[in-house]
Amino acid sequence: MPLFEFKCRDCGATFEKIVPSSTTRVACKKCASPKVEKLLSVFAVGGSPHAAASVESGPCGSCGAAQRGMCGVE
């Protein structure tokens, strides 16, 4: 079942919800308002649990950027 991200138009809360079909009604988890919009979200692909460990880290050890500061992490 697909997992979607939503934003409430009334209170501004963002939340995720598993939506089994296109006819499923979604309400805000915070205020219960039915005025929610589906957000554009990132698509993730499953793979080997060791795939992330095989990526060499950058100079600061937090990403694969070629130079410190290129990934936005200081």
PDB file of N, CA and C in Angstrom:
ATOM      1  N   MET A   1       0.844  -1.184   0.000  1.00  0.00           N
ATOM      2  CA  MET A   1       0.000   0.000   0.000  1.00  0.00           C
ATOM      3  C   MET A   1       0.886   1.243   0.000  1.00  0.00           C
ATOM      4  N   PRO A   2       0.498   2.250  -0.746  1.00  0.00           N
ATOM      5  CA  PRO A   2       1.329   3.456  -0.837  1.00  0.00           C
ATOM      6  C   PRO A   2       1.245   4.322   0.414  1.00  0.00           C
ATOM      7  N   LEU A   3       2.370   4.926   0.738  1.00  0.00           N
ATOM      8  CA  LEU A   3       2.474   5.869   1.844  1.00  0.00           C
ATOM      9  C   LEU A   3       2.570   7.260   1.230  1.00  0.00           C
ATOM     10  N   PHE A   4       1.678   8.154   1.630  1.00  0.00           N
ATOM     11  CA  PHE A   4       1.662   9.508   1.088  1.00  0.00           C
ATOM     12  C   PHE A   4       1.906  10.515   2.196  1.00  0.00           C
ATOM     13  N   GLU A   5       2.423  11.677   1.805  1.00  0.00           N
ATOM     14  CA  GLU A   5       2.596  12.792   2.723  1.00  0.00           C
ATOM     15  C   GLU A   5       1.486  13.799   2.428  1.00  0.00           C
ATOM     16  N   PHE A   6       0.929  14.374   3.493  1.00  0.00           N
ATOM     17  CA  PHE A   6      -0.159  15.332   3.362  1.00  0.00           C
ATOM     18  C   PHE A   6       0.133  16.567   4.188  1.00  0.00           C
ATOM     19  N   LYS A   7      -0.516  17.694   3.810  1.00  0.00           N
ATOM     20  CA  LYS A   7      -0.454  18.928   4.585  1.00  0.00           C
ATOM     21  C   LYS A   7      -1.878  19.418   4.788  1.00  0.00           C
ATOM     22  N   CYS A   8      -2.204  19.770   6.016  1.00  0.00           N
ATOM     23  CA  CYS A   8      -3.531  20.262   6.349  1.00  0.00           C
ATOM     24  C   CYS A   8      -3.642  21.724   5.937  1.00  0.00           C
ATOM     25  N   ARG A   9      -4.705  22.063   5.233  1.00  0.00           N
ATOM     26  CA  ARG A   9      -4.919  23.451   4.803  1.00  0.00           C
ATOM     27  C   ARG A   9      -5.435  24.316   5.944  1.00  0.00           C
ATOM     28  N   ASP A  10      -5.992  23.690   6.989  1.00  0.00           N
ATOM     29  CA  ASP A  10      -6.519  24.460   8.117  1.00  0.00           C
ATOM     30  C   ASP A  10      -5.453  24.781   9.163  1.00  0.00           C
ATOM     31  N   CYS A  11      -4.723  23.760   9.647  1.00  0.00           N
ATOM     32  CA  CYS A  11      -3.762  23.997  10.732  1.00  0.00           C
ATOM     33  C   CYS A  11      -2.307  23.980  10.275  1.00  0.00           C
ATOM     34  N   GLY A  12      -2.042  23.536   9.036  1.00  0.00           N
ATOM     35  CA  GLY A  12      -0.676  23.540   8.513  1.00  0.00           C
ATOM     36  C   GLY A  12       0.158  22.326   8.888  1.00  0.00           C
ATOM     37  N   ALA A  13      -0.416  21.393   9.631  1.00  0.00           N
ATOM     38  CA  ALA A  13       0.335  20.201  10.037  1.00  0.00           C
ATOM     39  C   ALA A  13       0.649  19.331   8.828  1.00  0.00           C
ATOM     40  N   THR A  14       1.816  18.692   8.846  1.00  0.00           N
ATOM     41  CA  THR A  14       2.161  17.729   7.814  1.00  0.00           C
ATOM     42  C   THR A  14       2.229  16.353   8.461  1.00  0.00           C
ATOM     43  N   PHE A  15       1.812  15.333   7.715  1.00  0.00           N
ATOM     44  CA  PHE A  15       1.783  13.980   8.245  1.00  0.00           C
ATOM     45  C   PHE A  15       1.811  12.976   7.111  1.00  0.00           C
ATOM     46  N   GLU A  16       2.117  11.738   7.453  1.00  0.00           N
ATOM     47  CA  GLU A  16       2.132  10.639   6.489  1.00  0.00           C
ATOM     48  C   GLU A  16       0.970   9.709   6.785  1.00  0.00           C
ATOM     49  N   LYS A  17       0.453   9.067   5.745  1.00  0.00           N
ATOM     50  CA  LYS A  17      -0.647   8.124   5.926  1.00  0.00           C
ATOM     51  C   LYS A  17      -0.575   7.072   4.829  1.00  0.00           C
ATOM     52  N   ILE A  18      -0.809   5.824   5.212  1.00  0.00           N
ATOM     53  CA  ILE A  18      -0.923   4.745   4.240  1.00  0.00           C
ATOM     54  C   ILE A  18      -2.322   4.824   3.655  1.00  0.00           C
ATOM     55  N   VAL A  19      -2.407   4.902   2.326  1.00  0.00           N
ATOM     56  CA  VAL A  19      -3.683   5.064   1.656  1.00  0.00           C
ATOM     57  C   VAL A  19      -3.911   3.853   0.755  1.00  0.00           C
ATOM     58  N   PRO A  20      -4.809   2.938   1.157  1.00  0.00           N
ATOM     59  CA  PRO A  20      -5.011   1.706   0.407  1.00  0.00           C
ATOM     60  C   PRO A  20      -5.649   1.894  -0.975  1.00  0.00           C
ATOM     61  N   SER A  21      -6.448   2.940  -1.163  1.00  0.00           N
ATOM     62  CA  SER A  21      -7.061   3.158  -2.482  1.00  0.00           C
ATOM     63  C   SER A  21      -7.284   4.645  -2.710  1.00  0.00           C
ATOM     64  N   SER A  22      -7.568   5.002  -3.950  1.00  0.00           N
ATOM     65  CA  SER A  22      -7.764   6.413  -4.282  1.00  0.00           C
ATOM     66  C   SER A  22      -9.068   6.967  -3.713  1.00  0.00           C
ATOM     67  N   THR A  23      -9.960   6.114  -3.252  1.00  0.00           N
ATOM     68  CA  THR A  23     -11.225   6.570  -2.682  1.00  0.00           C
ATOM     69  C   THR A  23     -11.164   6.728  -1.161  1.00  0.00           C
ATOM     70  N   THR A  24     -10.014   6.411  -0.561  1.00  0.00           N
ATOM     71  CA  THR A  24      -9.853   6.543   0.889  1.00  0.00           C
ATOM     72  C   THR A  24      -9.856   8.011   1.271  1.00  0.00           C
ATOM     73  N   ARG A  25     -10.690   8.361   2.228  1.00  0.00           N
ATOM     74  CA  ARG A  25     -10.739   9.743   2.712  1.00  0.00           C
ATOM     75  C   ARG A  25      -9.642   9.943   3.752  1.00  0.00           C
ATOM     76  N   VAL A  26      -8.973  11.091   3.662  1.00  0.00           N
ATOM     77  CA  VAL A  26      -7.871  11.392   4.574  1.00  0.00           C
ATOM     78  C   VAL A  26      -8.233  12.651   5.355  1.00  0.00           C
ATOM     79  N   ALA A  27      -8.025  12.593   6.664  1.00  0.00           N
ATOM     80  CA  ALA A  27      -8.252  13.749   7.532  1.00  0.00           C
ATOM     81  C   ALA A  27      -6.954  14.046   8.280  1.00  0.00           C
ATOM     82  N   CYS A  28      -6.786  15.285   8.676  1.00  0.00           N
ATOM     83  CA  CYS A  28      -5.602  15.716   9.401  1.00  0.00           C
ATOM     84  C   CYS A  28      -5.490  14.956  10.723  1.00  0.00           C
ATOM     85  N   LYS A  29      -4.288  14.486  11.038  1.00  0.00           N
ATOM     86  CA  LYS A  29      -4.065  13.757  12.287  1.00  0.00           C
ATOM     87  C   LYS A  29      -4.101  14.696  13.491  1.00  0.00           C
ATOM     88  N   LYS A  30      -3.859  15.992  13.275  1.00  0.00           N
ATOM     89  CA  LYS A  30      -3.805  16.941  14.382  1.00  0.00           C
ATOM     90  C   LYS A  30      -5.173  17.554  14.693  1.00  0.00           C
ATOM     91  N   CYS A  31      -5.877  18.034  13.642  1.00  0.00           N
ATOM     92  CA  CYS A  31      -7.142  18.745  13.885  1.00  0.00           C
ATOM     93  C   CYS A  31      -8.363  18.049  13.284  1.00  0.00           C
ATOM     94  N   ALA A  32      -8.160  16.934  12.594  1.00  0.00           N
ATOM     95  CA  ALA A  32      -9.241  16.132  11.995  1.00  0.00           C
ATOM     96  C   ALA A  32      -9.938  16.800  10.815  1.00  0.00           C
ATOM     97  N   SER A  33      -9.359  17.869  10.293  1.00  0.00           N
ATOM     98  CA  SER A  33      -9.948  18.543   9.138  1.00  0.00           C
ATOM     99  C   SER A  33      -9.793  17.679   7.884  1.00  0.00           C
ATOM    100  N   PRO A  34     -10.840  17.635   7.051  1.00  0.00           N
ATOM    101  CA  PRO A  34     -10.729  16.901   5.788  1.00  0.00           C
ATOM    102  C   PRO A  34     -10.037  17.717   4.690  1.00  0.00           C
ATOM    103  N   LYS A  35      -9.670  18.965   4.988  1.00  0.00           N
ATOM    104  CA  LYS A  35      -9.035  19.840   4.000  1.00  0.00           C
ATOM    105  C   LYS A  35      -7.527  19.598   3.989  1.00  0.00           C
ATOM    106  N   VAL A  36      -7.112  18.520   3.331  1.00  0.00           N
ATOM    107  CA  VAL A  36      -5.699  18.181   3.236  1.00  0.00           C
ATOM    108  C   VAL A  36      -5.278  18.110   1.783  1.00  0.00           C
ATOM    109  N   GLU A  37      -4.014  18.375   1.524  1.00  0.00           N
ATOM    110  CA  GLU A  37      -3.479  18.255   0.171  1.00  0.00           C
ATOM    111  C   GLU A  37      -2.332  17.267   0.171  1.00  0.00           C
ATOM    112  N   LYS A  38      -2.253  16.482  -0.870  1.00  0.00           N
ATOM    113  CA  LYS A  38      -1.181  15.505  -1.014  1.00  0.00           C
ATOM    114  C   LYS A  38       0.072  16.245  -1.454  1.00  0.00           C
ATOM    115  N   LEU A  39       1.186  15.968  -0.781  1.00  0.00           N
ATOM    116  CA  LEU A  39       2.450  16.619  -1.100  1.00  0.00           C
ATOM    117  C   LEU A  39       3.278  15.750  -2.036  1.00  0.00           C
ATOM    118  N   LEU A  40       4.141  16.384  -2.771  1.00  0.00           N
ATOM    119  CA  LEU A  40       5.090  15.686  -3.604  1.00  0.00           C
ATOM    120  C   LEU A  40       6.174  15.143  -2.691  1.00  0.00           C
ATOM    121  N   SER A  41       6.443  13.856  -2.757  1.00  0.00           N
ATOM    122  CA  SER A  41       7.418  13.284  -1.848  1.00  0.00           C
ATOM    123  C   SER A  41       8.500  12.545  -2.616  1.00  0.00           C
ATOM    124  N   VAL A  42       9.560  12.215  -1.905  1.00  0.00           N
ATOM    125  CA  VAL A  42      10.705  11.540  -2.484  1.00  0.00           C
ATOM    126  C   VAL A  42      10.400  10.053  -2.629  1.00  0.00           C
ATOM    127  N   PHE A  43      10.809   9.479  -3.727  1.00  0.00           N
ATOM    128  CA  PHE A  43      10.605   8.056  -3.975  1.00  0.00           C
ATOM    129  C   PHE A  43      11.849   7.309  -3.527  1.00  0.00           C
ATOM    130  N   ALA A  44      11.664   6.271  -2.743  1.00  0.00           N
ATOM    131  CA  ALA A  44      12.802   5.475  -2.268  1.00  0.00           C
ATOM    132  C   ALA A  44      12.734   4.089  -2.871  1.00  0.00           C
ATOM    133  N   VAL A  45      13.886   3.538  -3.183  1.00  0.00           N
ATOM    134  CA  VAL A  45      13.971   2.197  -3.746  1.00  0.00           C
ATOM    135  C   VAL A  45      14.740   1.329  -2.772  1.00  0.00           C
ATOM    136  N   GLY A  46      14.175   0.178  -2.467  1.00  0.00           N
ATOM    137  CA  GLY A  46      14.850  -0.738  -1.556  1.00  0.00           C
ATOM    138  C   GLY A  46      16.009  -1.420  -2.259  1.00  0.00           C
ATOM    139  N   GLY A  47      16.972  -1.804  -1.498  1.00  0.00           N
ATOM    140  CA  GLY A  47      18.133  -2.483  -2.057  1.00  0.00           C
ATOM    141  C   GLY A  47      18.823  -3.269  -0.977  1.00  0.00           C
ATOM    142  N   SER A  48      20.043  -3.561  -1.208  1.00  0.00           N
ATOM    143  CA  SER A  48      20.842  -4.300  -0.244  1.00  0.00           C
ATOM    144  C   SER A  48      21.013  -3.469   1.024  1.00  0.00           C
ATOM    145  N   PRO A  49      20.893  -4.094   2.186  1.00  0.00           N
ATOM    146  CA  PRO A  49      21.087  -3.324   3.415  1.00  0.00           C
ATOM    147  C   PRO A  49      22.526  -2.827   3.569  1.00  0.00           C
ATOM    148  N   HIS A  50      23.423  -3.377   2.778  1.00  0.00           N
ATOM    149  CA  HIS A  50      24.821  -2.968   2.847  1.00  0.00           C
ATOM    150  C   HIS A  50      25.184  -1.946   1.780  1.00  0.00           C
ATOM    151  N   ALA A  51      24.219  -1.557   0.947  1.00  0.00           N
ATOM    152  CA  ALA A  51      24.494  -0.626  -0.153  1.00  0.00           C
ATOM    153  C   ALA A  51      24.970   0.725   0.374  1.00  0.00           C
ATOM    154  N   ALA A  52      24.340   1.243   1.423  1.00  0.00           N
ATOM    155  CA  ALA A  52      24.737   2.540   1.965  1.00  0.00           C
ATOM    156  C   ALA A  52      26.131   2.472   2.585  1.00  0.00           C
ATOM    157  N   ALA A  53      26.475   1.359   3.153  1.00  0.00           N
ATOM    158  CA  ALA A  53      27.784   1.221   3.794  1.00  0.00           C
ATOM    159  C   ALA A  53      28.913   1.174   2.775  1.00  0.00           C
ATOM    160  N   SER A  54      28.590   0.833   1.532  1.00  0.00           N
ATOM    161  CA  SER A  54      29.630   0.732   0.520  1.00  0.00           C
ATOM    162  C   SER A  54      29.992   2.077  -0.100  1.00  0.00           C
ATOM    163  N   VAL A  55      29.213   3.129   0.186  1.00  0.00           N
ATOM    164  CA  VAL A  55      29.508   4.462  -0.332  1.00  0.00           C
ATOM    165  C   VAL A  55      30.599   5.073   0.524  1.00  0.00           C
ATOM    166  N   GLU A  56      31.633   5.564  -0.127  1.00  0.00           N
ATOM    167  CA  GLU A  56      32.721   6.186   0.622  1.00  0.00           C
ATOM    168  C   GLU A  56      32.264   7.528   1.155  1.00  0.00           C
ATOM    169  N   SER A  57      32.628   7.823   2.378  1.00  0.00           N
ATOM    170  CA  SER A  57      32.231   9.089   2.966  1.00  0.00           C
ATOM    171  C   SER A  57      33.156  10.200   2.507  1.00  0.00           C
ATOM    172  N   GLY A  58      32.650  11.436   2.579  1.00  0.00           N
ATOM    173  CA  GLY A  58      33.437  12.595   2.194  1.00  0.00           C
ATOM    174  C   GLY A  58      34.447  12.943   3.265  1.00  0.00           C
ATOM    175  N   PRO A  59      35.132  14.078   3.108  1.00  0.00           N
ATOM    176  CA  PRO A  59      36.188  14.458   4.025  1.00  0.00           C
ATOM    177  C   PRO A  59      35.701  14.678   5.458  1.00  0.00           C
ATOM    178  N   CYS A  60      34.457  15.034   5.650  1.00  0.00           N
ATOM    179  CA  CYS A  60      33.978  15.228   7.025  1.00  0.00           C
ATOM    180  C   CYS A  60      33.263  13.977   7.536  1.00  0.00           C
ATOM    181  N   GLY A  61      33.122  12.940   6.693  1.00  0.00           N
ATOM    182  CA  GLY A  61      32.570  11.670   7.121  1.00  0.00           C
ATOM    183  C   GLY A  61      31.058  11.586   7.128  1.00  0.00           C
ATOM    184  N   SER A  62      30.345  12.610   6.611  1.00  0.00           N
ATOM    185  CA  SER A  62      28.887  12.567   6.681  1.00  0.00           C
ATOM    186  C   SER A  62      28.201  12.341   5.337  1.00  0.00           C
ATOM    187  N   CYS A  63      28.924  12.487   4.239  1.00  0.00           N
ATOM    188  CA  CYS A  63      28.314  12.263   2.925  1.00  0.00           C
ATOM    189  C   CYS A  63      29.409  11.936   1.911  1.00  0.00           C
ATOM    190  N   GLY A  64      29.044  11.881   0.672  1.00  0.00           N
ATOM    191  CA  GLY A  64      30.021  11.562  -0.354  1.00  0.00           C
ATOM    192  C   GLY A  64      30.527  12.783  -1.109  1.00  0.00           C
ATOM    193  N   ALA A  65      30.334  13.996  -0.562  1.00  0.00           N
ATOM    194  CA  ALA A  65      30.780  15.211  -1.239  1.00  0.00           C
ATOM    195  C   ALA A  65      32.294  15.228  -1.368  1.00  0.00           C
ATOM    196  N   ALA A  66      32.781  15.823  -2.452  1.00  0.00           N
ATOM    197  CA  ALA A  66      34.215  15.859  -2.735  1.00  0.00           C
ATOM    198  C   ALA A  66      34.974  16.759  -1.771  1.00  0.00           C
ATOM    199  N   GLN A  67      34.324  17.841  -1.299  1.00  0.00           N
ATOM    200  CA  GLN A  67      34.993  18.762  -0.389  1.00  0.00           C
ATOM    201  C   GLN A  67      34.070  19.114   0.763  1.00  0.00           C
ATOM    202  N   ARG A  68      34.659  19.422   1.893  1.00  0.00           N
ATOM    203  CA  ARG A  68      33.893  19.811   3.064  1.00  0.00           C
ATOM    204  C   ARG A  68      33.055  21.055   2.740  1.00  0.00           C
ATOM    205  N   GLY A  69      31.786  21.038   3.153  1.00  0.00           N
ATOM    206  CA  GLY A  69      30.892  22.178   2.924  1.00  0.00           C
ATOM    207  C   GLY A  69      30.059  22.066   1.672  1.00  0.00           C
ATOM    208  N   MET A  70      30.385  21.141   0.769  1.00  0.00           N
ATOM    209  CA  MET A  70      29.624  21.001  -0.475  1.00  0.00           C
ATOM    210  C   MET A  70      28.247  20.396  -0.237  1.00  0.00           C
ATOM    211  N   CYS A  71      28.086  19.622   0.831  1.00  0.00           N
ATOM    212  CA  CYS A  71      26.792  18.990   1.076  1.00  0.00           C
ATOM    213  C   CYS A  71      25.923  19.811   2.019  1.00  0.00           C
ATOM    214  N   GLY A  72      26.406  20.921   2.510  1.00  0.00           N
ATOM    215  CA  GLY A  72      25.638  21.758   3.410  1.00  0.00           C
ATOM    216  C   GLY A  72      25.804  21.400   4.873  1.00  0.00           C
ATOM    217  N   VAL A  73      26.587  20.350   5.157  1.00  0.00           N
ATOM    218  CA  VAL A  73      26.848  19.952   6.532  1.00  0.00           C
ATOM    219  C   VAL A  73      28.177  20.547   6.946  1.00  0.00           C
ATOM    220  N   GLU A  74      28.202  21.277   7.998  1.00  0.00           N
ATOM    221  CA  GLU A  74      29.455  21.905   8.468  1.00  0.00           C
ATOM    222  C   GLU A  74      30.109  21.058   9.509  1.00  0.00           C
TER     223      GLU A  74
END
